[in-house]
Amino acid sequence: MKKTNCALVLGASGGIGSAMVSEFLADTSITHVFAVSQKDQADSGNGFSQLEDKLTWLTSNYSESSMEDVAAVLEVHAGSFSRVCICHGLLHSESLMPEKRFEDITETHLHQILQCNTIVPALWMKILFKLLKGKEDCITAVLSARVGSIEDNHLGGWYSYRASKAALNMILKSLAIEYARRAKNVKIIAFHPGTTDTALSKPFQSSVASSKLFTPKFVAEKLTDIMDNVSVDGELSFLDWDGKVISY
């Protein structure tokens, strides 16, 4: 009987999330892919329907109770997840743009950005613990950002986004310490994808050199390679798309 080897992508309808679903579907060592997003599969626009035998698409509004409902569906596969990608990210919306100066900081902006970029990934890592713990290695990557590096901040601005990613990194660091004690098979990566051609970066792409604007497919391939070669060492790794270490 073929061994079950599952992959899980959270935030699967976004550019990078969708590309990671494609990467995992193409990986013959992975027997099933679970994708979670606010949109259902028909509305995702990603053309995965022909691969339904290997793909299960679940929806969540990312409230804690909704996330727990997803975990309950996945419970039967506990211990069989070798790859997990948490691809949530919010930089701007129709009503919000990154703050250029401290006068632009608002309570609403801080709450929305922190909810998406910090709180939701933290809740996933709490809720999924029993599903990821097992005998086989489970590599878990969470989308972070270089601008979340306190040491690397030389320009200021973007207060909410920077803070949300710095807070995410601290939460992931603490999670890695606790997971190392309670689920030694899990390796956590805080991943900086670089500037990727997705909706998140659209308003800011004009200032990015074409050689530094990556396709989601390129980023997904790079992350897949990192996940395939990283050591399960009980540490959090903060890495960029090229596998280089970023300072906190």
Protein backbone atom coordinates (compact mmCIF):
# COMPACT_ATOMS: atom_id res chain seq x y z
CA MET A 1 0.00 0.00 0.00
CA LYS A 2 1.37 3.39 -1.02
CA LYS A 3 2.44 5.58 1.87
CA THR A 4 0.35 8.72 2.33
CA ASN A 5 2.37 11.91 1.94
CA CYS A 6 0.30 15.10 2.10
CA ALA A 7 0.96 18.77 1.42
CA LEU A 8 -1.09 21.65 2.80
CA VAL A 9 -1.29 25.18 1.40
CA LEU A 10 -3.06 27.88 3.42
CA GLY A 11 -3.94 31.05 1.55
CA ALA A 12 -4.05 28.98 -1.63
CA SER A 13 -5.86 31.42 -3.92
CA GLY A 14 -3.11 34.06 -3.79
CA GLY A 15 -0.29 34.22 -6.31
CA ILE A 16 2.37 32.37 -4.31
CA GLY A 17 -0.16 30.05 -2.65
CA SER A 18 -1.57 29.02 -6.02
CA ALA A 19 1.94 28.43 -7.38
CA MET A 20 2.77 26.24 -4.39
CA VAL A 21 -0.36 24.17 -5.01
CA SER A 22 0.84 23.63 -8.58
CA GLU A 23 4.32 22.64 -7.39
CA PHE A 24 2.94 20.08 -4.96
CA LEU A 25 0.50 18.68 -7.52
CA ALA A 26 3.41 18.11 -9.89
CA ASP A 27 5.50 16.38 -7.21
CA THR A 28 5.01 12.64 -7.65
CA SER A 29 6.23 11.95 -4.11
CA ILE A 30 3.23 13.86 -2.71
CA THR A 31 0.08 11.75 -2.77
CA HIS A 32 -2.47 14.44 -1.92
CA VAL A 33 -2.63 18.23 -1.73
CA PHE A 34 -5.00 20.15 0.53
CA ALA A 35 -5.60 23.80 -0.34
CA VAL A 36 -7.38 26.29 1.91
CA SER A 37 -8.60 29.76 0.95
CA GLN A 38 -11.49 32.14 1.42
CA LYS A 39 -12.56 31.45 -2.16
CA ASP A 40 -13.86 28.06 -3.22
CA GLN A 41 -12.07 26.17 -5.98
CA ALA A 42 -14.43 27.31 -8.72
CA ASP A 43 -13.81 30.97 -7.86
CA SER A 44 -10.06 30.65 -7.43
CA GLY A 45 -9.46 30.94 -11.18
CA ASN A 46 -6.43 28.67 -11.02
CA GLY A 47 -7.59 25.83 -13.27
CA PHE A 48 -6.97 22.94 -10.90
CA SER A 49 -10.24 21.11 -11.59
CA GLN A 50 -8.63 18.52 -13.86
CA LEU A 51 -6.49 17.36 -10.95
CA GLU A 52 -9.28 16.88 -8.44
CA ASP A 53 -8.28 13.31 -7.65
CA LYS A 54 -5.10 14.62 -6.02
CA LEU A 55 -6.48 17.93 -4.70
CA THR A 56 -8.95 18.77 -1.95
CA TRP A 57 -9.98 22.41 -1.76
CA LEU A 58 -11.36 23.73 1.53
CA THR A 59 -12.71 27.17 2.41
CA SER A 60 -12.23 29.24 5.54
CA ASN A 61 -12.98 32.82 6.52
CA TYR A 62 -9.90 32.62 8.81
CA SER A 63 -11.79 33.11 12.03
CA GLU A 64 -10.38 30.81 14.69
CA SER A 65 -13.51 28.64 14.70
CA SER A 66 -13.42 28.31 10.91
CA MET A 67 -9.76 27.32 11.04
CA GLU A 68 -10.58 24.70 13.67
CA ASP A 69 -13.26 23.33 11.32
CA VAL A 70 -10.61 22.90 8.62
CA ALA A 71 -8.32 21.10 11.08
CA ALA A 72 -11.17 18.76 12.00
CA VAL A 73 -11.55 17.76 8.33
CA LEU A 74 -7.80 17.14 8.08
CA GLU A 75 -7.57 15.21 11.33
CA VAL A 76 -7.82 11.84 9.60
CA HIS A 77 -4.51 12.65 7.89
CA ALA A 78 -2.65 13.60 11.08
CA GLY A 79 1.03 12.70 10.92
CA SER A 80 1.09 12.42 7.12
CA PHE A 81 1.90 16.05 6.23
CA SER A 82 5.43 16.52 4.91
CA ARG A 83 4.95 20.02 3.47
CA VAL A 84 2.95 22.98 4.80
CA CYS A 85 2.92 26.49 3.34
CA ILE A 86 1.20 29.39 5.12
CA CYS A 87 0.85 32.02 2.43
CA HIS A 88 -1.18 34.78 4.05
CA GLY A 89 -0.14 38.35 3.37
CA LEU A 90 -1.71 41.80 3.30
CA LEU A 91 0.16 44.99 2.42
CA HIS A 92 -2.60 47.20 1.07
CA SER A 93 -6.27 47.26 0.15
CA GLU A 94 -8.67 49.62 -1.58
CA SER A 95 -8.75 51.74 1.57
CA LEU A 96 -5.29 51.13 3.02
CA MET A 97 -1.78 51.83 1.76
CA PRO A 98 1.58 51.44 3.56
CA GLU A 99 2.33 54.37 5.82
CA LYS A 100 4.96 56.76 4.48
CA ARG A 101 5.19 58.72 7.76
CA PHE A 102 4.06 58.17 11.32
CA GLU A 103 1.10 60.54 10.88
CA ASP A 104 -0.39 57.91 8.55
CA ILE A 105 -0.63 55.28 11.31
CA THR A 106 -4.22 54.37 12.18
CA GLU A 107 -5.75 51.87 14.54
CA THR A 108 -7.74 50.30 11.69
CA HIS A 109 -4.66 49.83 9.52
CA LEU A 110 -2.64 48.26 12.34
CA HIS A 111 -5.45 45.87 13.25
CA GLN A 112 -6.09 44.69 9.68
CA ILE A 113 -2.44 44.15 8.78
CA LEU A 114 -1.56 42.41 12.04
CA GLN A 115 -4.64 40.20 11.82
CA CYS A 116 -3.71 38.87 8.40
CA ASN A 117 0.09 38.78 8.61
CA THR A 118 0.65 37.80 12.24
CA ILE A 119 -2.42 36.53 14.03
CA VAL A 120 -3.78 34.16 11.38
CA PRO A 121 -0.43 32.35 10.81
CA ALA A 122 0.07 32.08 14.58
CA LEU A 123 -3.38 30.54 15.00
CA TRP A 124 -2.72 28.06 12.20
CA MET A 125 0.47 26.90 13.89
CA LYS A 126 -1.41 26.41 17.15
CA ILE A 127 -4.38 24.64 15.59
CA LEU A 128 -2.35 22.39 13.27
CA PHE A 129 0.07 21.13 15.92
CA LYS A 130 -1.59 17.72 16.38
CA LEU A 131 -1.78 17.25 12.61
CA LEU A 132 1.89 18.04 11.96
CA LYS A 133 3.39 16.08 14.83
CA GLY A 134 4.56 12.65 13.75
CA LYS A 135 7.44 10.39 12.86
CA GLU A 136 8.12 11.84 9.41
CA ASP A 137 9.75 15.19 8.70
CA CYS A 138 7.29 18.05 8.20
CA ILE A 139 8.72 21.21 6.65
CA THR A 140 6.55 24.25 7.31
CA ALA A 141 7.16 27.54 5.50
CA VAL A 142 5.45 30.79 6.48
CA LEU A 143 5.59 33.88 4.26
CA SER A 144 7.54 36.58 6.05
CA ALA A 145 9.40 39.55 4.54
CA ARG A 146 12.82 41.15 4.63
CA VAL A 147 11.20 44.41 5.76
CA GLY A 148 10.30 42.55 8.96
CA SER A 149 14.00 42.52 9.84
CA ILE A 150 14.65 45.13 12.53
CA GLU A 151 18.38 45.17 11.77
CA ASP A 152 17.75 45.65 8.05
CA ASN A 153 15.38 48.62 8.49
CA HIS A 154 17.24 51.65 7.13
CA LEU A 155 14.37 53.50 5.47
CA GLY A 156 11.54 53.52 8.02
CA GLY A 157 7.92 53.81 6.94
CA TRP A 158 5.54 50.93 6.25
CA TYR A 159 4.90 50.79 9.98
CA SER A 160 2.08 48.24 10.08
CA TYR A 161 3.58 45.85 7.54
CA ARG A 162 7.07 45.96 9.05
CA ALA A 163 5.66 45.47 12.55
CA SER A 164 3.41 42.60 11.47
CA LYS A 165 6.28 40.68 9.91
CA ALA A 166 8.68 41.39 12.78
CA ALA A 167 6.00 40.16 15.20
CA LEU A 168 5.43 37.11 13.00
CA ASN A 169 9.14 36.29 13.12
CA MET A 170 9.15 36.49 16.92
CA ILE A 171 6.10 34.24 17.16
CA LEU A 172 7.67 31.75 14.75
CA LYS A 173 10.91 31.79 16.78
CA SER A 174 8.99 30.92 19.95
CA LEU A 175 6.95 28.32 18.10
CA ALA A 176 10.13 26.70 16.75
CA ILE A 177 11.48 26.39 20.29
CA GLU A 178 8.28 24.76 21.57
CA TYR A 179 7.81 22.57 18.49
CA ALA A 180 11.41 21.36 18.96
CA ARG A 181 10.36 20.02 22.37
CA ARG A 182 6.92 18.70 21.49
CA ALA A 183 7.09 17.85 17.75
CA LYS A 184 10.71 17.27 16.81
CA ASN A 185 9.78 16.30 13.25
CA VAL A 186 8.63 19.83 12.36
CA LYS A 187 10.97 22.40 10.82
CA ILE A 188 9.73 26.01 10.55
CA ILE A 189 10.94 28.48 7.93
CA ALA A 190 10.17 32.21 7.80
CA PHE A 191 10.42 32.79 4.05
CA HIS A 192 11.06 36.05 2.20
CA PRO A 193 9.94 35.54 -1.42
CA GLY A 194 11.39 38.75 -2.82
CA THR A 195 9.21 41.10 -4.84
CA THR A 196 6.78 38.79 -6.60
CA ASP A 197 4.42 39.70 -9.42
CA THR A 198 1.21 39.37 -7.42
CA ALA A 199 -1.60 41.69 -6.35
CA LEU A 200 0.28 42.43 -3.12
CA SER A 201 3.15 44.15 -4.95
CA LYS A 202 1.29 45.68 -7.93
CA PRO A 203 1.31 49.32 -6.73
CA PHE A 204 5.05 49.21 -6.07
CA GLN A 205 6.43 47.34 -9.07
CA SER A 206 7.39 50.41 -11.10
CA SER A 207 10.41 50.99 -8.86
CA VAL A 208 11.59 47.37 -9.07
CA ALA A 209 14.09 46.27 -11.71
CA SER A 210 12.66 43.63 -14.03
CA SER A 211 15.39 41.21 -12.93
CA LYS A 212 14.19 41.58 -9.33
CA LEU A 213 10.49 41.08 -10.04
CA PHE A 214 9.86 37.36 -9.73
CA THR A 215 7.03 35.25 -11.07
CA PRO A 216 5.05 33.21 -8.53
CA LYS A 217 6.24 30.06 -10.31
CA PHE A 218 9.89 31.06 -9.85
CA VAL A 219 9.32 31.77 -6.13
CA ALA A 220 7.45 28.49 -5.67
CA GLU A 221 10.29 26.56 -7.31
CA LYS A 222 12.83 28.27 -5.06
CA LEU A 223 10.81 27.58 -1.92
CA THR A 224 10.25 23.97 -2.95
CA ASP A 225 14.01 23.53 -3.36
CA ILE A 226 14.66 25.05 0.07
CA MET A 227 12.04 22.80 1.68
CA ASP A 228 13.55 19.75 -0.01
CA ASN A 229 17.05 20.47 1.30
CA VAL A 230 16.63 22.11 4.72
CA SER A 231 17.63 20.26 7.88
CA VAL A 232 15.09 19.48 10.60
CA ASP A 233 17.14 21.03 13.38
CA GLY A 234 14.59 22.48 15.81
CA GLU A 235 15.52 26.03 14.81
CA LEU A 236 13.63 28.75 12.97
CA SER A 237 15.29 29.66 9.68
CA PHE A 238 14.69 33.16 8.29
CA LEU A 239 15.62 32.74 4.63
CA ASP A 240 15.20 34.65 1.39
CA TRP A 241 14.20 33.18 -1.96
CA ASP A 242 17.83 32.31 -2.69
CA GLY A 243 18.24 30.40 0.57
CA LYS A 244 20.32 33.16 2.19
CA VAL A 245 19.93 33.88 5.90
CA ILE A 246 18.27 37.19 6.83
CA SER A 247 19.08 38.87 10.14
CA TYR A 248 16.26 39.48 12.61
